C-alpha cells in the first residue's frame, strides 16, 4: 500500500520472517534477564 520498491519490500518481508535475535541471549546474560527462556 505504501508503494515500496519490489526489492526493498522483499528484503523487508524476509527480514521480518527471521527467528528471534541472538542478541537477546547476550543481553539477558549481561543485564539479568531470563536467559534460559
ModelCIF file with pLDDT and N, C-alpha, C, O atoms, coordinates in Angstrom:
data_MODEL
#
_entry.id   MODEL 
#
_entity.id                         1 
_entity.type                       polymer 
_entity.pdbx_number_of_molecules   1 
#
_entity_poly.entity_id                      1 
_entity_poly.type                           'polypeptide(L)' 
_entity_poly.nstd_linkage                   no 
_entity_poly.nstd_monomer                   no 
_entity_poly.pdbx_seq_one_letter_code       
;(UNK)(UNK)(UNK)(UNK)(UNK)(UNK)(UNK)(UNK)(UNK)(UNK)(UNK)(UNK)(UNK)(UNK)(UNK)(UNK)
(UNK)(UNK)(UNK)(UNK)(UNK)(UNK)(UNK)(UNK)(UNK)(UNK)(UNK)(UNK)(UNK)(UNK)(UNK)(UNK)
(UNK)(UNK)(UNK)(UNK)(UNK)
;
_entity_poly.pdbx_seq_one_letter_code_can   XXXXXXXXXXXXXXXXXXXXXXXXXXXXXXXXXXXXX 
_entity_poly.pdbx_strand_id                 A 
#
loop_
_entity_poly_seq.entity_id 
_entity_poly_seq.num 
_entity_poly_seq.mon_id 
_entity_poly_seq.hetero 
1 1  UNK n 
1 2  UNK n 
1 3  UNK n 
1 4  UNK n 
1 5  UNK n 
1 6  UNK n 
1 7  UNK n 
1 8  UNK n 
1 9  UNK n 
1 10 UNK n 
1 11 UNK n 
1 12 UNK n 
1 13 UNK n 
1 14 UNK n 
1 15 UNK n 
1 16 UNK n 
1 17 UNK n 
1 18 UNK n 
1 19 UNK n 
1 20 UNK n 
1 21 UNK n 
1 22 UNK n 
1 23 UNK n 
1 24 UNK n 
1 25 UNK n 
1 26 UNK n 
1 27 UNK n 
1 28 UNK n 
1 29 UNK n 
1 30 UNK n 
1 31 UNK n 
1 32 UNK n 
1 33 UNK n 
1 34 UNK n 
1 35 UNK n 
1 36 UNK n 
1 37 UNK n 
#
_struct_asym.id          A 
_struct_asym.entity_id   1 
#
loop_
_ma_qa_metric.id 
_ma_qa_metric.mode 
_ma_qa_metric.name 
_ma_qa_metric.software_group_id 
_ma_qa_metric.type 
1 global pLDDT . pLDDT 
2 local  pLDDT . pLDDT 
#
_ma_qa_metric_global.metric_id      1 
_ma_qa_metric_global.metric_value   84.54 
_ma_qa_metric_global.model_id       1 
_ma_qa_metric_global.ordinal_id     1 
#
loop_
_ma_qa_metric_local.label_asym_id 
_ma_qa_metric_local.label_comp_id 
_ma_qa_metric_local.label_seq_id 
_ma_qa_metric_local.metric_id 
_ma_qa_metric_local.metric_value 
_ma_qa_metric_local.model_id 
_ma_qa_metric_local.ordinal_id 
A UNK 1  2 93.00 1 1  
A UNK 2  2 90.00 1 2  
A UNK 3  2 86.00 1 3  
A UNK 4  2 85.00 1 4  
A UNK 5  2 85.00 1 5  
A UNK 6  2 85.00 1 6  
A UNK 7  2 86.00 1 7  
A UNK 8  2 88.00 1 8  
A UNK 9  2 90.00 1 9  
A UNK 10 2 89.00 1 10 
A UNK 11 2 90.00 1 11 
A UNK 12 2 92.00 1 12 
A UNK 13 2 92.00 1 13 
A UNK 14 2 91.00 1 14 
A UNK 15 2 91.00 1 15 
A UNK 16 2 93.00 1 16 
A UNK 17 2 92.00 1 17 
A UNK 18 2 91.00 1 18 
A UNK 19 2 88.00 1 19 
A UNK 20 2 89.00 1 20 
A UNK 21 2 85.00 1 21 
A UNK 22 2 78.00 1 22 
A UNK 23 2 78.00 1 23 
A UNK 24 2 82.00 1 24 
A UNK 25 2 79.00 1 25 
A UNK 26 2 76.00 1 26 
A UNK 27 2 80.00 1 27 
A UNK 28 2 81.00 1 28 
A UNK 29 2 75.00 1 29 
A UNK 30 2 74.00 1 30 
A UNK 31 2 76.00 1 31 
A UNK 32 2 75.00 1 32 
A UNK 33 2 78.00 1 33 
A UNK 34 2 80.00 1 34 
A UNK 35 2 81.00 1 35 
A UNK 36 2 80.00 1 36 
A UNK 37 2 84.00 1 37 
#
loop_
_atom_site.group_PDB 
_atom_site.id 
_atom_site.type_symbol 
_atom_site.label_atom_id 
_atom_site.label_alt_id 
_atom_site.label_comp_id 
_atom_site.label_asym_id 
_atom_site.label_entity_id 
_atom_site.label_seq_id 
_atom_site.pdbx_PDB_ins_code 
_atom_site.Cartn_x 
_atom_site.Cartn_y 
_atom_site.Cartn_z 
_atom_site.occupancy 
_atom_site.B_iso_or_equiv 
_atom_site.pdbx_formal_charge 
_atom_site.auth_seq_id 
_atom_site.auth_comp_id 
_atom_site.auth_asym_id 
_atom_site.auth_atom_id 
_atom_site.pdbx_PDB_model_num 
ATOM 1   N N  . UNK A 1 1  ? 0.828  -1.209  0.000  1.00 93.00 ? 1  UNK A N  1 
ATOM 2   C CA . UNK A 1 1  ? 0.000  0.000   0.000  1.00 93.00 ? 1  UNK A CA 1 
ATOM 3   C C  . UNK A 1 1  ? 0.859  1.255   0.000  1.00 93.00 ? 1  UNK A C  1 
ATOM 4   O O  . UNK A 1 1  ? 0.462  2.285   -0.543 1.00 93.00 ? 1  UNK A O  1 
ATOM 5   N N  . UNK A 1 2  ? 2.051  1.165   0.618  1.00 90.00 ? 2  UNK A N  1 
ATOM 6   C CA . UNK A 1 2  ? 2.978  2.297   0.635  1.00 90.00 ? 2  UNK A CA 1 
ATOM 7   C C  . UNK A 1 2  ? 3.654  2.505   -0.712 1.00 90.00 ? 2  UNK A C  1 
ATOM 8   O O  . UNK A 1 2  ? 4.240  3.559   -0.960 1.00 90.00 ? 2  UNK A O  1 
ATOM 9   N N  . UNK A 1 3  ? 3.573  1.500   -1.584 1.00 86.00 ? 3  UNK A N  1 
ATOM 10  C CA . UNK A 1 3  ? 4.240  1.583   -2.870 1.00 86.00 ? 3  UNK A CA 1 
ATOM 11  C C  . UNK A 1 3  ? 5.735  1.346   -2.781 1.00 86.00 ? 3  UNK A C  1 
ATOM 12  O O  . UNK A 1 3  ? 6.497  1.901   -3.572 1.00 86.00 ? 3  UNK A O  1 
ATOM 13  N N  . UNK A 1 4  ? 6.166  0.530   -1.829 1.00 85.00 ? 4  UNK A N  1 
ATOM 14  C CA . UNK A 1 4  ? 7.594  0.245   -1.652 1.00 85.00 ? 4  UNK A CA 1 
ATOM 15  C C  . UNK A 1 4  ? 8.148  -0.471  -2.877 1.00 85.00 ? 4  UNK A C  1 
ATOM 16  O O  . UNK A 1 4  ? 7.476  -1.306  -3.482 1.00 85.00 ? 4  UNK A O  1 
ATOM 17  N N  . UNK A 1 5  ? 9.386  -0.130  -3.235 1.00 85.00 ? 5  UNK A N  1 
ATOM 18  C CA . UNK A 1 5  ? 10.069 -0.783  -4.347 1.00 85.00 ? 5  UNK A CA 1 
ATOM 19  C C  . UNK A 1 5  ? 10.125 -2.292  -4.103 1.00 85.00 ? 5  UNK A C  1 
ATOM 20  O O  . UNK A 1 5  ? 10.240 -2.740  -2.962 1.00 85.00 ? 5  UNK A O  1 
ATOM 21  N N  . UNK A 1 6  ? 10.044 -3.067  -5.178 1.00 85.00 ? 6  UNK A N  1 
ATOM 22  C CA . UNK A 1 6  ? 9.932  -4.524  -5.064 1.00 85.00 ? 6  UNK A CA 1 
ATOM 23  C C  . UNK A 1 6  ? 11.065 -5.138  -4.253 1.00 85.00 ? 6  UNK A C  1 
ATOM 24  O O  . UNK A 1 6  ? 10.824 -5.979  -3.387 1.00 85.00 ? 6  UNK A O  1 
ATOM 25  N N  . UNK A 1 7  ? 12.318 -4.715  -4.533 1.00 86.00 ? 7  UNK A N  1 
ATOM 26  C CA . UNK A 1 7  ? 13.437 -5.304  -3.801 1.00 86.00 ? 7  UNK A CA 1 
ATOM 27  C C  . UNK A 1 7  ? 13.402 -4.929  -2.318 1.00 86.00 ? 7  UNK A C  1 
ATOM 28  O O  . UNK A 1 7  ? 13.643 -5.772  -1.454 1.00 86.00 ? 7  UNK A O  1 
ATOM 29  N N  . UNK A 1 8  ? 13.100 -3.665  -2.031 1.00 88.00 ? 8  UNK A N  1 
ATOM 30  C CA . UNK A 1 8  ? 13.032 -3.238  -0.631 1.00 88.00 ? 8  UNK A CA 1 
ATOM 31  C C  . UNK A 1 8  ? 11.918 -3.976  0.097  1.00 88.00 ? 8  UNK A C  1 
ATOM 32  O O  . UNK A 1 8  ? 12.087 -4.398  1.241  1.00 88.00 ? 8  UNK A O  1 
ATOM 33  N N  . UNK A 1 9  ? 10.779 -4.129  -0.571 1.00 90.00 ? 9  UNK A N  1 
ATOM 34  C CA . UNK A 1 9  ? 9.659  -4.871  0.031  1.00 90.00 ? 9  UNK A CA 1 
ATOM 35  C C  . UNK A 1 9  ? 10.062 -6.307  0.321  1.00 90.00 ? 9  UNK A C  1 
ATOM 36  O O  . UNK A 1 9  ? 9.830  -6.816  1.418  1.00 90.00 ? 9  UNK A O  1 
ATOM 37  N N  . UNK A 1 10 ? 10.673 -6.965  -0.677 1.00 89.00 ? 10 UNK A N  1 
ATOM 38  C CA . UNK A 1 10 ? 11.075 -8.357  -0.496 1.00 89.00 ? 10 UNK A CA 1 
ATOM 39  C C  . UNK A 1 10 ? 12.066 -8.534  0.630  1.00 89.00 ? 10 UNK A C  1 
ATOM 40  O O  . UNK A 1 10 ? 11.934 -9.450  1.442  1.00 89.00 ? 10 UNK A O  1 
ATOM 41  N N  . UNK A 1 11 ? 13.070 -7.655  0.686  1.00 90.00 ? 11 UNK A N  1 
ATOM 42  C CA . UNK A 1 11 ? 14.079 -7.749  1.741  1.00 90.00 ? 11 UNK A CA 1 
ATOM 43  C C  . UNK A 1 11 ? 13.451 -7.515  3.108  1.00 90.00 ? 11 UNK A C  1 
ATOM 44  O O  . UNK A 1 11 ? 13.750 -8.234  4.060  1.00 90.00 ? 11 UNK A O  1 
ATOM 45  N N  . UNK A 1 12 ? 12.571 -6.502  3.211  1.00 92.00 ? 12 UNK A N  1 
ATOM 46  C CA . UNK A 1 12 ? 11.942 -6.191  4.498  1.00 92.00 ? 12 UNK A CA 1 
ATOM 47  C C  . UNK A 1 12 ? 11.081 -7.350  4.990  1.00 92.00 ? 12 UNK A C  1 
ATOM 48  O O  . UNK A 1 12 ? 11.120 -7.689  6.173  1.00 92.00 ? 12 UNK A O  1 
ATOM 49  N N  . UNK A 1 13 ? 10.304 -7.962  4.094  1.00 92.00 ? 13 UNK A N  1 
ATOM 50  C CA . UNK A 1 13 ? 9.435  -9.073  4.500  1.00 92.00 ? 13 UNK A CA 1 
ATOM 51  C C  . UNK A 1 13 ? 10.268 -10.280 4.920  1.00 92.00 ? 13 UNK A C  1 
ATOM 52  O O  . UNK A 1 13 ? 9.948  -10.947 5.903  1.00 92.00 ? 13 UNK A O  1 
ATOM 53  N N  . UNK A 1 14 ? 11.331 -10.559 4.179  1.00 91.00 ? 14 UNK A N  1 
ATOM 54  C CA . UNK A 1 14 ? 12.203 -11.682 4.539  1.00 91.00 ? 14 UNK A CA 1 
ATOM 55  C C  . UNK A 1 14 ? 12.865 -11.426 5.894  1.00 91.00 ? 14 UNK A C  1 
ATOM 56  O O  . UNK A 1 14 ? 12.992 -12.343 6.705  1.00 91.00 ? 14 UNK A O  1 
ATOM 57  N N  . UNK A 1 15 ? 13.289 -10.171 6.143  1.00 91.00 ? 15 UNK A N  1 
ATOM 58  C CA . UNK A 1 15 ? 13.892 -9.847  7.439  1.00 91.00 ? 15 UNK A CA 1 
ATOM 59  C C  . UNK A 1 15 ? 12.881 -10.018 8.569  1.00 91.00 ? 15 UNK A C  1 
ATOM 60  O O  . UNK A 1 15 ? 13.228 -10.476 9.658  1.00 91.00 ? 15 UNK A O  1 
ATOM 61  N N  . UNK A 1 16 ? 11.632 -9.649  8.305  1.00 93.00 ? 16 UNK A N  1 
ATOM 62  C CA . UNK A 1 16 ? 10.590 -9.804  9.317  1.00 93.00 ? 16 UNK A CA 1 
ATOM 63  C C  . UNK A 1 16 ? 10.326 -11.275 9.623  1.00 93.00 ? 16 UNK A C  1 
ATOM 64  O O  . UNK A 1 16 ? 9.838  -11.603 10.705 1.00 93.00 ? 16 UNK A O  1 
ATOM 65  N N  . UNK A 1 17 ? 10.642 -12.158 8.685  1.00 92.00 ? 17 UNK A N  1 
ATOM 66  C CA . UNK A 1 17 ? 10.403 -13.589 8.869  1.00 92.00 ? 17 UNK A CA 1 
ATOM 67  C C  . UNK A 1 17 ? 11.548 -14.296 9.589  1.00 92.00 ? 17 UNK A C  1 
ATOM 68  O O  . UNK A 1 17 ? 11.523 -15.515 9.755  1.00 92.00 ? 17 UNK A O  1 
ATOM 69  N N  . UNK A 1 18 ? 12.541 -13.537 10.011 1.00 91.00 ? 18 UNK A N  1 
ATOM 70  C CA . UNK A 1 18 ? 13.678 -14.145 10.701 1.00 91.00 ? 18 UNK A CA 1 
ATOM 71  C C  . UNK A 1 18 ? 13.306 -14.610 12.119 1.00 91.00 ? 18 UNK A C  1 
ATOM 72  O O  . UNK A 1 18 ? 12.364 -14.081 12.709 1.00 91.00 ? 18 UNK A O  1 
ATOM 73  N N  . UNK A 1 19 ? 14.032 -15.587 12.667 1.00 88.00 ? 19 UNK A N  1 
ATOM 74  C CA . UNK A 1 19 ? 13.787 -16.013 14.048 1.00 88.00 ? 19 UNK A CA 1 
ATOM 75  C C  . UNK A 1 19 ? 14.222 -14.942 15.050 1.00 88.00 ? 19 UNK A C  1 
ATOM 76  O O  . UNK A 1 19 ? 14.746 -13.897 14.664 1.00 88.00 ? 19 UNK A O  1 
ATOM 77  N N  . UNK A 1 20 ? 14.002 -15.208 16.319 1.00 89.00 ? 20 UNK A N  1 
ATOM 78  C CA . UNK A 1 20 ? 14.343 -14.247 17.381 1.00 89.00 ? 20 UNK A CA 1 
ATOM 79  C C  . UNK A 1 20 ? 15.845 -13.971 17.374 1.00 89.00 ? 20 UNK A C  1 
ATOM 80  O O  . UNK A 1 20 ? 16.652 -14.882 17.192 1.00 89.00 ? 20 UNK A O  1 
ATOM 81  N N  . UNK A 1 21 ? 16.207 -12.712 17.573 1.00 85.00 ? 21 UNK A N  1 
ATOM 82  C CA . UNK A 1 21 ? 17.606 -12.296 17.516 1.00 85.00 ? 21 UNK A CA 1 
ATOM 83  C C  . UNK A 1 21 ? 18.452 -12.945 18.602 1.00 85.00 ? 21 UNK A C  1 
ATOM 84  O O  . UNK A 1 21 ? 18.038 -13.041 19.757 1.00 85.00 ? 21 UNK A O  1 
ATOM 85  N N  . UNK A 1 22 ? 19.634 -13.384 18.215 1.00 78.00 ? 22 UNK A N  1 
ATOM 86  C CA . UNK A 1 22 ? 20.578 -13.981 19.162 1.00 78.00 ? 22 UNK A CA 1 
ATOM 87  C C  . UNK A 1 22 ? 21.013 -12.961 20.210 1.00 78.00 ? 22 UNK A C  1 
ATOM 88  O O  . UNK A 1 22 ? 21.379 -13.330 21.326 1.00 78.00 ? 22 UNK A O  1 
ATOM 89  N N  . UNK A 1 23 ? 20.973 -11.671 19.849 1.00 78.00 ? 23 UNK A N  1 
ATOM 90  C CA . UNK A 1 23 ? 21.368 -10.616 20.792 1.00 78.00 ? 23 UNK A CA 1 
ATOM 91  C C  . UNK A 1 23 ? 20.633 -10.728 22.116 1.00 78.00 ? 23 UNK A C  1 
ATOM 92  O O  . UNK A 1 23 ? 21.178 -10.368 23.159 1.00 78.00 ? 23 UNK A O  1 
ATOM 93  N N  . UNK A 1 24 ? 19.391 -11.227 22.086 1.00 82.00 ? 24 UNK A N  1 
ATOM 94  C CA . UNK A 1 24 ? 18.595 -11.320 23.300 1.00 82.00 ? 24 UNK A CA 1 
ATOM 95  C C  . UNK A 1 24 ? 19.255 -12.159 24.369 1.00 82.00 ? 24 UNK A C  1 
ATOM 96  O O  . UNK A 1 24 ? 19.203 -11.816 25.550 1.00 82.00 ? 24 UNK A O  1 
ATOM 97  N N  . UNK A 1 25 ? 19.878 -13.263 23.967 1.00 79.00 ? 25 UNK A N  1 
ATOM 98  C CA . UNK A 1 25 ? 20.574 -14.115 24.939 1.00 79.00 ? 25 UNK A CA 1 
ATOM 99  C C  . UNK A 1 25 ? 21.778 -13.395 25.528 1.00 79.00 ? 25 UNK A C  1 
ATOM 100 O O  . UNK A 1 25 ? 22.058 -13.518 26.720 1.00 79.00 ? 25 UNK A O  1 
ATOM 101 N N  . UNK A 1 26 ? 22.487 -12.647 24.693 1.00 76.00 ? 26 UNK A N  1 
ATOM 102 C CA . UNK A 1 26 ? 23.641 -11.893 25.175 1.00 76.00 ? 26 UNK A CA 1 
ATOM 103 C C  . UNK A 1 26 ? 23.212 -10.821 26.165 1.00 76.00 ? 26 UNK A C  1 
ATOM 104 O O  . UNK A 1 26 ? 23.837 -10.651 27.212 1.00 76.00 ? 26 UNK A O  1 
ATOM 105 N N  . UNK A 1 27 ? 22.142 -10.095 25.835 1.00 80.00 ? 27 UNK A N  1 
ATOM 106 C CA . UNK A 1 27 ? 21.665 -9.017  26.703 1.00 80.00 ? 27 UNK A CA 1 
ATOM 107 C C  . UNK A 1 27 ? 21.062 -9.560  27.992 1.00 80.00 ? 27 UNK A C  1 
ATOM 108 O O  . UNK A 1 27 ? 21.209 -8.948  29.050 1.00 80.00 ? 27 UNK A O  1 
ATOM 109 N N  . UNK A 1 28 ? 20.385 -10.703 27.914 1.00 81.00 ? 28 UNK A N  1 
ATOM 110 C CA . UNK A 1 28 ? 19.833 -11.316 29.129 1.00 81.00 ? 28 UNK A CA 1 
ATOM 111 C C  . UNK A 1 28 ? 20.948 -11.718 30.082 1.00 81.00 ? 28 UNK A C  1 
ATOM 112 O O  . UNK A 1 28 ? 20.830 -11.543 31.295 1.00 81.00 ? 28 UNK A O  1 
ATOM 113 N N  . UNK A 1 29 ? 22.016 -12.250 29.537 1.00 75.00 ? 29 UNK A N  1 
ATOM 114 C CA . UNK A 1 29 ? 23.166 -12.619 30.358 1.00 75.00 ? 29 UNK A CA 1 
ATOM 115 C C  . UNK A 1 29 ? 23.818 -11.376 30.961 1.00 75.00 ? 29 UNK A C  1 
ATOM 116 O O  . UNK A 1 29 ? 24.227 -11.388 32.122 1.00 75.00 ? 29 UNK A O  1 
ATOM 117 N N  . UNK A 1 30 ? 23.915 -10.313 30.177 1.00 74.00 ? 30 UNK A N  1 
ATOM 118 C CA . UNK A 1 30 ? 24.613 -9.095  30.612 1.00 74.00 ? 30 UNK A CA 1 
ATOM 119 C C  . UNK A 1 30 ? 23.814 -8.302  31.636 1.00 74.00 ? 30 UNK A C  1 
ATOM 120 O O  . UNK A 1 30 ? 24.386 -7.771  32.588 1.00 74.00 ? 30 UNK A O  1 
ATOM 121 N N  . UNK A 1 31 ? 22.480 -8.213  31.454 1.00 76.00 ? 31 UNK A N  1 
ATOM 122 C CA . UNK A 1 31 ? 21.684 -7.305  32.284 1.00 76.00 ? 31 UNK A CA 1 
ATOM 123 C C  . UNK A 1 31 ? 20.718 -8.008  33.242 1.00 76.00 ? 31 UNK A C  1 
ATOM 124 O O  . UNK A 1 31 ? 19.947 -7.344  33.934 1.00 76.00 ? 31 UNK A O  1 
ATOM 125 N N  . UNK A 1 32 ? 20.752 -9.333  33.290 1.00 75.00 ? 32 UNK A N  1 
ATOM 126 C CA . UNK A 1 32 ? 19.960 -10.038 34.289 1.00 75.00 ? 32 UNK A CA 1 
ATOM 127 C C  . UNK A 1 32 ? 18.554 -10.408 33.871 1.00 75.00 ? 32 UNK A C  1 
ATOM 128 O O  . UNK A 1 32 ? 17.674 -10.525 34.724 1.00 75.00 ? 32 UNK A O  1 
ATOM 129 N N  . UNK A 1 33 ? 18.314 -10.596 32.575 1.00 78.00 ? 33 UNK A N  1 
ATOM 130 C CA . UNK A 1 33 ? 17.010 -11.056 32.111 1.00 78.00 ? 33 UNK A CA 1 
ATOM 131 C C  . UNK A 1 33 ? 16.892 -12.569 32.242 1.00 78.00 ? 33 UNK A C  1 
ATOM 132 O O  . UNK A 1 33 ? 17.789 -13.223 32.773 1.00 78.00 ? 33 UNK A O  1 
ATOM 133 N N  . UNK A 1 34 ? 15.783 -13.123 31.759 1.00 80.00 ? 34 UNK A N  1 
ATOM 134 C CA . UNK A 1 34 ? 15.560 -14.572 31.817 1.00 80.00 ? 34 UNK A CA 1 
ATOM 135 C C  . UNK A 1 34 ? 16.326 -15.234 30.671 1.00 80.00 ? 34 UNK A C  1 
ATOM 136 O O  . UNK A 1 34 ? 15.769 -15.489 29.604 1.00 80.00 ? 34 UNK A O  1 
ATOM 137 N N  . UNK A 1 35 ? 17.612 -15.507 30.909 1.00 81.00 ? 35 UNK A N  1 
ATOM 138 C CA . UNK A 1 35 ? 18.482 -16.040 29.855 1.00 81.00 ? 35 UNK A CA 1 
ATOM 139 C C  . UNK A 1 35 ? 18.032 -17.430 29.409 1.00 81.00 ? 35 UNK A C  1 
ATOM 140 O O  . UNK A 1 35 ? 18.190 -17.789 28.243 1.00 81.00 ? 35 UNK A O  1 
ATOM 141 N N  . UNK A 1 36 ? 17.473 -18.209 30.332 1.00 80.00 ? 36 UNK A N  1 
ATOM 142 C CA . UNK A 1 36 ? 17.028 -19.558 29.981 1.00 80.00 ? 36 UNK A CA 1 
ATOM 143 C C  . UNK A 1 36 ? 15.872 -19.515 28.995 1.00 80.00 ? 36 UNK A C  1 
ATOM 144 O O  . UNK A 1 36 ? 15.898 -20.199 27.973 1.00 80.00 ? 36 UNK A O  1 
ATOM 145 N N  . UNK A 1 37 ? 14.853 -18.709 29.300 1.00 84.00 ? 37 UNK A N  1 
ATOM 146 C CA . UNK A 1 37 ? 13.698 -18.580 28.407 1.00 84.00 ? 37 UNK A CA 1 
ATOM 147 C C  . UNK A 1 37 ? 14.109 -17.960 27.074 1.00 84.00 ? 37 UNK A C  1 
ATOM 148 O O  . UNK A 1 37 ? 13.267 -17.774 26.195 1.00 84.00 ? 37 UNK A O  1 
#
